[in-house]
All heavy atoms as atom14 arrays in JSON, in Angstrom:
{
  "sequence": "GLALFALGSRMLPPIETALITALDAPLAPVWVWLIFGEVIRRE",
  "atom14_mask": [
    [1, 1, 1, 1, 0, 0, 0, 0, 0, 0, 0, 0, 0, 0],
    [1, 1, 1, 1, 1, 1, 1, 1, 0, 0, 0, 0, 0, 0],
    [1, 1, 1, 1, 1, 0, 0, 0, 0, 0, 0, 0, 0, 0],
    [1, 1, 1, 1, 1, 1, 1, 1, 0, 0, 0, 0, 0, 0],
    [1, 1, 1, 1, 1, 1, 1, 1, 1, 1, 1, 0, 0, 0],
    [1, 1, 1, 1, 1, 0, 0, 0, 0, 0, 0, 0, 0, 0],
    [1, 1, 1, 1, 1, 1, 1, 1, 0, 0, 0, 0, 0, 0],
    [1, 1, 1, 1, 0, 0, 0, 0, 0, 0, 0, 0, 0, 0],
    [1, 1, 1, 1, 1, 1, 0, 0, 0, 0, 0, 0, 0, 0],
    [1, 1, 1, 1, 1, 1, 1, 1, 1, 1, 1, 0, 0, 0],
    [1, 1, 1, 1, 1, 1, 1, 1, 0, 0, 0, 0, 0, 0],
    [1, 1, 1, 1, 1, 1, 1, 1, 0, 0, 0, 0, 0, 0],
    [1, 1, 1, 1, 1, 1, 1, 0, 0, 0, 0, 0, 0, 0],
    [1, 1, 1, 1, 1, 1, 1, 0, 0, 0, 0, 0, 0, 0],
    [1, 1, 1, 1, 1, 1, 1, 1, 0, 0, 0, 0, 0, 0],
    [1, 1, 1, 1, 1, 1, 1, 1, 1, 0, 0, 0, 0, 0],
    [1, 1, 1, 1, 1, 1, 1, 0, 0, 0, 0, 0, 0, 0],
    [1, 1, 1, 1, 1, 0, 0, 0, 0, 0, 0, 0, 0, 0],
    [1, 1, 1, 1, 1, 1, 1, 1, 0, 0, 0, 0, 0, 0],
    [1, 1, 1, 1, 1, 1, 1, 1, 0, 0, 0, 0, 0, 0],
    [1, 1, 1, 1, 1, 1, 1, 0, 0, 0, 0, 0, 0, 0],
    [1, 1, 1, 1, 1, 0, 0, 0, 0, 0, 0, 0, 0, 0],
    [1, 1, 1, 1, 1, 1, 1, 1, 0, 0, 0, 0, 0, 0],
    [1, 1, 1, 1, 1, 1, 1, 1, 0, 0, 0, 0, 0, 0],
    [1, 1, 1, 1, 1, 0, 0, 0, 0, 0, 0, 0, 0, 0],
    [1, 1, 1, 1, 1, 1, 1, 0, 0, 0, 0, 0, 0, 0],
    [1, 1, 1, 1, 1, 1, 1, 1, 0, 0, 0, 0, 0, 0],
    [1, 1, 1, 1, 1, 0, 0, 0, 0, 0, 0, 0, 0, 0],
    [1, 1, 1, 1, 1, 1, 1, 0, 0, 0, 0, 0, 0, 0],
    [1, 1, 1, 1, 1, 1, 1, 0, 0, 0, 0, 0, 0, 0],
    [1, 1, 1, 1, 1, 1, 1, 1, 1, 1, 1, 1, 1, 1],
    [1, 1, 1, 1, 1, 1, 1, 0, 0, 0, 0, 0, 0, 0],
    [1, 1, 1, 1, 1, 1, 1, 1, 1, 1, 1, 1, 1, 1],
    [1, 1, 1, 1, 1, 1, 1, 1, 0, 0, 0, 0, 0, 0],
    [1, 1, 1, 1, 1, 1, 1, 1, 0, 0, 0, 0, 0, 0],
    [1, 1, 1, 1, 1, 1, 1, 1, 1, 1, 1, 0, 0, 0],
    [1, 1, 1, 1, 0, 0, 0, 0, 0, 0, 0, 0, 0, 0],
    [1, 1, 1, 1, 1, 1, 1, 1, 1, 0, 0, 0, 0, 0],
    [1, 1, 1, 1, 1, 1, 1, 0, 0, 0, 0, 0, 0, 0],
    [1, 1, 1, 1, 1, 1, 1, 1, 0, 0, 0, 0, 0, 0],
    [1, 1, 1, 1, 1, 1, 1, 1, 1, 1, 1, 0, 0, 0],
    [1, 1, 1, 1, 1, 1, 1, 1, 1, 1, 1, 0, 0, 0],
    [1, 1, 1, 1, 1, 1, 1, 1, 1, 0, 0, 0, 0, 0]
  ],
  "atom14_positions": [
    [[51.38, -78.94, 164.74], [50.01, -78.46, 164.61], [48.99, -79.57, 164.78], [48.02, -79.43, 165.55], [0.0, 0.0, 0.0], [0.0, 0.0, 0.0], [0.0, 0.0, 0.0], [0.0, 0.0, 0.0], [0.0, 0.0, 0.0], [0.0, 0.0, 0.0], [0.0, 0.0, 0.0], [0.0, 0.0, 0.0], [0.0, 0.0, 0.0], [0.0, 0.0, 0.0]],
    [[49.19, -80.7, 164.1], [48.25, -81.81, 164.18], [48.2, -82.41, 165.57], [47.12, -82.71, 166.1], [48.63, -82.89, 163.17], [47.93, -82.88, 161.81], [48.49, -84.0, 160.93], [46.43, -83.02, 161.96], [0.0, 0.0, 0.0], [0.0, 0.0, 0.0], [0.0, 0.0, 0.0], [0.0, 0.0, 0.0], [0.0, 0.0, 0.0], [0.0, 0.0, 0.0]],
    [[49.37, -82.62, 166.19], [49.41, -83.23, 167.51], [48.71, -82.36, 168.55], [47.9, -82.85, 169.34], [50.86, -83.49, 167.91], [0.0, 0.0, 0.0], [0.0, 0.0, 0.0], [0.0, 0.0, 0.0], [0.0, 0.0, 0.0], [0.0, 0.0, 0.0], [0.0, 0.0, 0.0], [0.0, 0.0, 0.0], [0.0, 0.0, 0.0], [0.0, 0.0, 0.0]],
    [[49.0, -81.08, 168.55], [48.37, -80.17, 169.51], [46.87, -80.07, 169.28], [46.08, -80.04, 170.23], [49.02, -78.79, 169.42], [50.47, -78.69, 169.9], [51.05, -77.33, 169.55], [50.57, -78.95, 171.39], [0.0, 0.0, 0.0], [0.0, 0.0, 0.0], [0.0, 0.0, 0.0], [0.0, 0.0, 0.0], [0.0, 0.0, 0.0], [0.0, 0.0, 0.0]],
    [[46.47, -80.01, 168.01], [45.04, -79.95, 167.69], [44.32, -81.21, 168.15], [43.24, -81.15, 168.74], [44.84, -79.75, 166.19], [43.41, -79.77, 165.75], [42.64, -78.63, 165.81], [42.82, -80.94, 165.28], [41.31, -78.64, 165.42], [41.49, -80.97, 164.88], [40.73, -79.82, 164.96], [0.0, 0.0, 0.0], [0.0, 0.0, 0.0], [0.0, 0.0, 0.0]],
    [[44.92, -82.37, 167.88], [44.3, -83.63, 168.25], [44.12, -83.74, 169.75], [43.09, -84.24, 170.24], [45.13, -84.8, 167.72], [0.0, 0.0, 0.0], [0.0, 0.0, 0.0], [0.0, 0.0, 0.0], [0.0, 0.0, 0.0], [0.0, 0.0, 0.0], [0.0, 0.0, 0.0], [0.0, 0.0, 0.0], [0.0, 0.0, 0.0], [0.0, 0.0, 0.0]],
    [[45.1, -83.27, 170.52], [45.01, -83.34, 171.98], [44.04, -82.3, 172.54], [43.26, -82.58, 173.45], [46.4, -83.13, 172.59], [47.44, -84.24, 172.34], [48.82, -83.79, 172.78], [47.03, -85.51, 173.05], [0.0, 0.0, 0.0], [0.0, 0.0, 0.0], [0.0, 0.0, 0.0], [0.0, 0.0, 0.0], [0.0, 0.0, 0.0], [0.0, 0.0, 0.0]],
    [[44.08, -81.09, 172.0], [43.27, -80.01, 172.56], [41.81, -80.06, 172.18], [40.94, -79.66, 172.97], [0.0, 0.0, 0.0], [0.0, 0.0, 0.0], [0.0, 0.0, 0.0], [0.0, 0.0, 0.0], [0.0, 0.0, 0.0], [0.0, 0.0, 0.0], [0.0, 0.0, 0.0], [0.0, 0.0, 0.0], [0.0, 0.0, 0.0], [0.0, 0.0, 0.0]],
    [[41.5, -80.57, 170.98], [40.11, -80.53, 170.52], [39.19, -81.46, 171.3], [37.97, -81.29, 171.27], [40.04, -80.87, 169.02], [40.63, -82.12, 168.75], [0.0, 0.0, 0.0], [0.0, 0.0, 0.0], [0.0, 0.0, 0.0], [0.0, 0.0, 0.0], [0.0, 0.0, 0.0], [0.0, 0.0, 0.0], [0.0, 0.0, 0.0], [0.0, 0.0, 0.0]],
    [[39.73, -82.42, 172.03], [38.89, -83.29, 172.85], [38.44, -82.58, 174.14], [37.54, -83.06, 174.81], [39.65, -84.56, 173.21], [40.87, -84.34, 174.09], [41.41, -85.62, 174.7], [41.72, -86.61, 173.69], [42.14, -87.84, 173.99], [42.31, -88.19, 175.25], [42.4, -88.69, 173.03], [0.0, 0.0, 0.0], [0.0, 0.0, 0.0], [0.0, 0.0, 0.0]],
    [[39.09, -81.47, 174.47], [38.8, -80.79, 175.73], [37.82, -79.63, 175.58], [37.39, -79.04, 176.58], [40.1, -80.26, 176.35], [41.14, -81.33, 176.6], [42.69, -80.64, 177.24], [43.73, -82.1, 177.2], [0.0, 0.0, 0.0], [0.0, 0.0, 0.0], [0.0, 0.0, 0.0], [0.0, 0.0, 0.0], [0.0, 0.0, 0.0], [0.0, 0.0, 0.0]],
    [[37.49, -79.27, 174.33], [36.65, -78.1, 174.07], [35.45, -78.49, 173.21], [35.55, -79.4, 172.39], [37.44, -77.01, 173.35], [38.71, -76.48, 174.0], [39.37, -75.46, 173.08], [38.42, -75.85, 175.35], [0.0, 0.0, 0.0], [0.0, 0.0, 0.0], [0.0, 0.0, 0.0], [0.0, 0.0, 0.0], [0.0, 0.0, 0.0], [0.0, 0.0, 0.0]],
    [[34.33, -77.78, 173.35], [33.23, -77.96, 172.41], [33.7, -77.61, 170.99], [34.58, -76.75, 170.82], [32.17, -76.97, 172.9], [32.51, -76.73, 174.33], [34.01, -76.82, 174.42], [0.0, 0.0, 0.0], [0.0, 0.0, 0.0], [0.0, 0.0, 0.0], [0.0, 0.0, 0.0], [0.0, 0.0, 0.0], [0.0, 0.0, 0.0], [0.0, 0.0, 0.0]],
    [[33.16, -78.26, 169.96], [33.61, -78.01, 168.59], [33.61, -76.54, 168.19], [34.53, -76.07, 167.53], [32.63, -78.83, 167.75], [32.22, -79.95, 168.64], [32.17, -79.36, 170.02], [0.0, 0.0, 0.0], [0.0, 0.0, 0.0], [0.0, 0.0, 0.0], [0.0, 0.0, 0.0], [0.0, 0.0, 0.0], [0.0, 0.0, 0.0], [0.0, 0.0, 0.0]],
    [[32.57, -75.79, 168.59], [32.51, -74.39, 168.17], [33.63, -73.57, 168.81], [34.16, -72.64, 168.21], [31.12, -73.76, 168.49], [31.04, -72.38, 167.81], [30.88, -73.68, 169.99], [29.66, -71.76, 167.9], [0.0, 0.0, 0.0], [0.0, 0.0, 0.0], [0.0, 0.0, 0.0], [0.0, 0.0, 0.0], [0.0, 0.0, 0.0], [0.0, 0.0, 0.0]],
    [[34.03, -73.92, 170.04], [35.13, -73.22, 170.69], [36.44, -73.5, 169.95], [37.23, -72.58, 169.69], [35.24, -73.7, 172.14], [33.99, -73.53, 172.97], [33.96, -72.21, 173.69], [34.97, -71.51, 173.7], [32.9, -71.88, 174.24], [0.0, 0.0, 0.0], [0.0, 0.0, 0.0], [0.0, 0.0, 0.0], [0.0, 0.0, 0.0], [0.0, 0.0, 0.0]],
    [[36.67, -74.76, 169.62], [37.88, -75.13, 168.88], [37.92, -74.41, 167.54], [38.95, -73.84, 167.16], [37.91, -76.65, 168.65], [37.85, -77.33, 169.91], [39.17, -77.06, 167.93], [0.0, 0.0, 0.0], [0.0, 0.0, 0.0], [0.0, 0.0, 0.0], [0.0, 0.0, 0.0], [0.0, 0.0, 0.0], [0.0, 0.0, 0.0], [0.0, 0.0, 0.0]],
    [[36.81, -74.42, 166.83], [36.75, -73.8, 165.51], [36.96, -72.3, 165.59], [37.61, -71.7, 164.73], [35.42, -74.13, 164.84], [0.0, 0.0, 0.0], [0.0, 0.0, 0.0], [0.0, 0.0, 0.0], [0.0, 0.0, 0.0], [0.0, 0.0, 0.0], [0.0, 0.0, 0.0], [0.0, 0.0, 0.0], [0.0, 0.0, 0.0], [0.0, 0.0, 0.0]],
    [[36.4, -71.68, 166.61], [36.52, -70.23, 166.75], [37.97, -69.82, 166.94], [38.43, -68.83, 166.35], [35.67, -69.76, 167.94], [35.61, -68.26, 168.2], [35.09, -67.52, 166.98], [34.73, -67.97, 169.42], [0.0, 0.0, 0.0], [0.0, 0.0, 0.0], [0.0, 0.0, 0.0], [0.0, 0.0, 0.0], [0.0, 0.0, 0.0], [0.0, 0.0, 0.0]],
    [[38.7, -70.58, 167.74], [40.11, -70.25, 167.98], [40.93, -70.48, 166.71], [41.82, -69.68, 166.38], [40.66, -71.07, 169.15], [39.93, -70.69, 170.43], [42.16, -70.83, 169.32], [40.22, -71.6, 171.6], [0.0, 0.0, 0.0], [0.0, 0.0, 0.0], [0.0, 0.0, 0.0], [0.0, 0.0, 0.0], [0.0, 0.0, 0.0], [0.0, 0.0, 0.0]],
    [[40.65, -71.56, 165.98], [41.41, -71.82, 164.75], [41.15, -70.75, 163.69], [41.94, -70.61, 162.75], [41.09, -73.2, 164.16], [39.7, -73.3, 163.86], [41.48, -74.31, 165.13], [0.0, 0.0, 0.0], [0.0, 0.0, 0.0], [0.0, 0.0, 0.0], [0.0, 0.0, 0.0], [0.0, 0.0, 0.0], [0.0, 0.0, 0.0], [0.0, 0.0, 0.0]],
    [[40.07, -69.98, 163.85], [39.8, -68.88, 162.92], [40.87, -67.81, 163.01], [41.01, -66.97, 162.1], [38.42, -68.28, 163.2], [0.0, 0.0, 0.0], [0.0, 0.0, 0.0], [0.0, 0.0, 0.0], [0.0, 0.0, 0.0], [0.0, 0.0, 0.0], [0.0, 0.0, 0.0], [0.0, 0.0, 0.0], [0.0, 0.0, 0.0], [0.0, 0.0, 0.0]],
    [[41.65, -67.82, 164.1], [42.75, -66.86, 164.24], [43.85, -67.1, 163.22], [44.72, -66.25, 163.04], [43.34, -66.94, 165.65], [42.45, -66.46, 166.8], [43.11, -66.77, 168.14], [42.17, -64.97, 166.68], [0.0, 0.0, 0.0], [0.0, 0.0, 0.0], [0.0, 0.0, 0.0], [0.0, 0.0, 0.0], [0.0, 0.0, 0.0], [0.0, 0.0, 0.0]],
    [[43.82, -68.24, 162.55], [44.8, -68.54, 161.51], [44.8, -67.46, 160.43], [45.86, -67.04, 159.95], [44.46, -69.91, 160.9], [45.47, -70.35, 159.86], [46.48, -69.67, 159.69], [45.23, -71.39, 159.22], [0.0, 0.0, 0.0], [0.0, 0.0, 0.0], [0.0, 0.0, 0.0], [0.0, 0.0, 0.0], [0.0, 0.0, 0.0], [0.0, 0.0, 0.0]],
    [[43.6, -66.99, 160.06], [43.49, -66.0, 158.97], [44.23, -64.7, 159.27], [45.01, -64.23, 158.44], [42.02, -65.74, 158.65], [0.0, 0.0, 0.0], [0.0, 0.0, 0.0], [0.0, 0.0, 0.0], [0.0, 0.0, 0.0], [0.0, 0.0, 0.0], [0.0, 0.0, 0.0], [0.0, 0.0, 0.0], [0.0, 0.0, 0.0], [0.0, 0.0, 0.0]],
    [[44.0, -64.05, 160.43], [44.72, -62.81, 160.69], [46.18, -63.01, 161.1], [46.99, -62.08, 160.98], [43.93, -62.17, 161.83], [43.26, -63.29, 162.53], [42.94, -64.28, 161.44], [0.0, 0.0, 0.0], [0.0, 0.0, 0.0], [0.0, 0.0, 0.0], [0.0, 0.0, 0.0], [0.0, 0.0, 0.0], [0.0, 0.0, 0.0], [0.0, 0.0, 0.0]],
    [[46.54, -64.2, 161.6], [47.92, -64.43, 162.01], [48.86, -64.61, 160.82], [50.01, -64.16, 160.86], [48.01, -65.67, 162.91], [47.59, -65.5, 164.37], [47.53, -66.85, 165.07], [48.56, -64.57, 165.1], [0.0, 0.0, 0.0], [0.0, 0.0, 0.0], [0.0, 0.0, 0.0], [0.0, 0.0, 0.0], [0.0, 0.0, 0.0], [0.0, 0.0, 0.0]],
    [[48.37, -65.26, 159.76], [49.22, -65.56, 158.6], [49.89, -64.31, 158.01], [51.11, -64.3, 157.79], [48.41, -66.29, 157.54], [0.0, 0.0, 0.0], [0.0, 0.0, 0.0], [0.0, 0.0, 0.0], [0.0, 0.0, 0.0], [0.0, 0.0, 0.0], [0.0, 0.0, 0.0], [0.0, 0.0, 0.0], [0.0, 0.0, 0.0], [0.0, 0.0, 0.0]],
    [[49.14, -63.2, 157.75], [49.81, -62.02, 157.19], [50.77, -61.35, 158.16], [51.7, -60.66, 157.75], [48.65, -61.08, 156.83], [47.5, -61.56, 157.64], [47.68, -63.03, 157.78], [0.0, 0.0, 0.0], [0.0, 0.0, 0.0], [0.0, 0.0, 0.0], [0.0, 0.0, 0.0], [0.0, 0.0, 0.0], [0.0, 0.0, 0.0], [0.0, 0.0, 0.0]],
    [[50.57, -61.57, 159.47], [51.49, -61.0, 160.46], [52.87, -61.63, 160.32], [53.9, -60.92, 160.35], [50.95, -61.2, 161.89], [52.01, -60.8, 162.92], [49.69, -60.39, 162.11], [0.0, 0.0, 0.0], [0.0, 0.0, 0.0], [0.0, 0.0, 0.0], [0.0, 0.0, 0.0], [0.0, 0.0, 0.0], [0.0, 0.0, 0.0], [0.0, 0.0, 0.0]],
    [[52.92, -62.95, 160.15], [54.2, -63.63, 159.97], [54.89, -63.14, 158.7], [56.12, -62.91, 158.7], [54.0, -65.14, 159.89], [53.5, -65.78, 161.14], [52.36, -66.52, 161.28], [54.11, -65.77, 162.44], [52.22, -66.96, 162.57], [53.28, -66.52, 163.3], [55.27, -65.21, 162.94], [53.58, -66.71, 164.65], [55.59, -65.4, 164.29], [54.74, -66.14, 165.12]],
    [[54.13, -63.0, 157.62], [54.71, -62.54, 156.35], [55.26, -61.12, 156.51], [56.32, -60.78, 155.97], [53.65, -62.6, 155.23], [54.22, -62.02, 153.94], [53.2, -64.04, 155.0], [0.0, 0.0, 0.0], [0.0, 0.0, 0.0], [0.0, 0.0, 0.0], [0.0, 0.0, 0.0], [0.0, 0.0, 0.0], [0.0, 0.0, 0.0], [0.0, 0.0, 0.0]],
    [[54.55, -60.29, 157.26], [55.02, -58.92, 157.52], [56.31, -58.93, 158.33], [57.26, -58.2, 158.03], [53.94, -58.13, 158.25], [54.41, -56.81, 158.79], [54.8, -55.72, 158.07], [54.58, -56.46, 160.17], [55.18, -54.69, 158.92], [55.05, -55.14, 160.21], [54.35, -57.14, 161.36], [55.31, -54.48, 161.42], [54.6, -56.5, 162.55], [55.08, -55.18, 162.59]],
    [[56.37, -59.77, 159.37], [57.56, -59.82, 160.22], [58.78, -60.33, 159.47], [59.89, -59.8, 159.65], [57.28, -60.73, 161.43], [56.35, -60.17, 162.52], [56.05, -61.25, 163.55], [56.99, -58.96, 163.19], [0.0, 0.0, 0.0], [0.0, 0.0, 0.0], [0.0, 0.0, 0.0], [0.0, 0.0, 0.0], [0.0, 0.0, 0.0], [0.0, 0.0, 0.0]],
    [[58.61, -61.34, 158.63], [59.76, -61.97, 157.96], [60.12, -61.28, 156.65], [61.28, -61.0, 156.38], [59.47, -63.46, 157.69], [59.14, -64.19, 159.0], [60.66, -64.11, 157.01], [60.24, -64.15, 160.04], [0.0, 0.0, 0.0], [0.0, 0.0, 0.0], [0.0, 0.0, 0.0], [0.0, 0.0, 0.0], [0.0, 0.0, 0.0], [0.0, 0.0, 0.0]],
    [[59.11, -60.96, 155.84], [59.36, -60.41, 154.51], [59.16, -58.9, 154.44], [59.48, -58.29, 153.42], [58.45, -61.08, 153.48], [58.72, -62.55, 153.29], [57.86, -63.49, 153.8], [59.85, -62.98, 152.62], [58.1, -64.85, 153.64], [60.11, -64.33, 152.45], [59.24, -65.27, 152.97], [0.0, 0.0, 0.0], [0.0, 0.0, 0.0], [0.0, 0.0, 0.0]],
    [[58.63, -58.31, 155.5], [58.39, -56.87, 155.49], [57.28, -56.45, 154.55], [57.2, -55.29, 154.14], [0.0, 0.0, 0.0], [0.0, 0.0, 0.0], [0.0, 0.0, 0.0], [0.0, 0.0, 0.0], [0.0, 0.0, 0.0], [0.0, 0.0, 0.0], [0.0, 0.0, 0.0], [0.0, 0.0, 0.0], [0.0, 0.0, 0.0], [0.0, 0.0, 0.0]],
    [[56.42, -57.39, 154.21], [55.31, -57.1, 153.3], [54.27, -56.22, 153.99], [53.83, -56.51, 155.11], [54.67, -58.41, 152.84], [53.68, -58.26, 151.71], [53.25, -59.63, 151.17], [54.05, -60.25, 150.44], [52.13, -60.06, 151.5], [0.0, 0.0, 0.0], [0.0, 0.0, 0.0], [0.0, 0.0, 0.0], [0.0, 0.0, 0.0], [0.0, 0.0, 0.0]],
    [[53.87, -55.15, 153.34], [52.93, -54.21, 153.92], [51.55, -54.87, 154.1], [51.07, -55.55, 153.19], [52.79, -52.95, 153.04], [51.75, -51.99, 153.62], [54.14, -52.25, 152.93], [0.0, 0.0, 0.0], [0.0, 0.0, 0.0], [0.0, 0.0, 0.0], [0.0, 0.0, 0.0], [0.0, 0.0, 0.0], [0.0, 0.0, 0.0], [0.0, 0.0, 0.0]],
    [[50.97, -54.67, 155.26], [49.64, -55.22, 155.54], [48.59, -54.17, 155.15], [48.65, -53.01, 155.58], [49.48, -55.58, 157.03], [50.55, -56.6, 157.44], [48.1, -56.14, 157.3], [50.5, -56.98, 158.9], [0.0, 0.0, 0.0], [0.0, 0.0, 0.0], [0.0, 0.0, 0.0], [0.0, 0.0, 0.0], [0.0, 0.0, 0.0], [0.0, 0.0, 0.0]],
    [[47.63, -54.56, 154.34], [46.59, -53.64, 153.89], [45.69, -53.23, 155.04], [45.57, -53.91, 156.05], [45.74, -54.3, 152.79], [46.5, -54.7, 151.55], [45.56, -55.33, 150.53], [44.85, -56.47, 151.11], [43.55, -56.67, 150.99], [42.8, -55.79, 150.34], [42.97, -57.72, 151.54], [0.0, 0.0, 0.0], [0.0, 0.0, 0.0], [0.0, 0.0, 0.0]],
    [[45.04, -52.07, 154.87], [44.12, -51.59, 155.9], [42.98, -52.57, 156.13], [42.54, -52.77, 157.27], [43.54, -50.22, 155.49], [44.52, -49.06, 155.62], [43.85, -47.76, 155.26], [43.31, -47.78, 153.9], [42.54, -46.81, 153.38], [42.22, -45.76, 154.13], [42.12, -46.89, 152.14], [0.0, 0.0, 0.0], [0.0, 0.0, 0.0], [0.0, 0.0, 0.0]],
    [[42.49, -53.18, 155.05], [41.4, -54.15, 155.18], [41.84, -55.35, 156.03], [41.06, -55.89, 156.82], [40.95, -54.63, 153.8], [40.29, -53.57, 152.93], [41.3, -52.73, 152.18], [42.52, -52.93, 152.39], [40.88, -51.89, 151.36], [0.0, 0.0, 0.0], [0.0, 0.0, 0.0], [0.0, 0.0, 0.0], [0.0, 0.0, 0.0], [0.0, 0.0, 0.0]]
  ]
}
């Protein structure tokens, strides 16, 4: 994660980099659902 971020963030404006990293929030529960079968809330 750190290596890819360090290399990629020099190629994009800061707001573009930050916007993409915001995908961390919705991706995290997807992994938990796939591995643990935890139900994802409607919200």
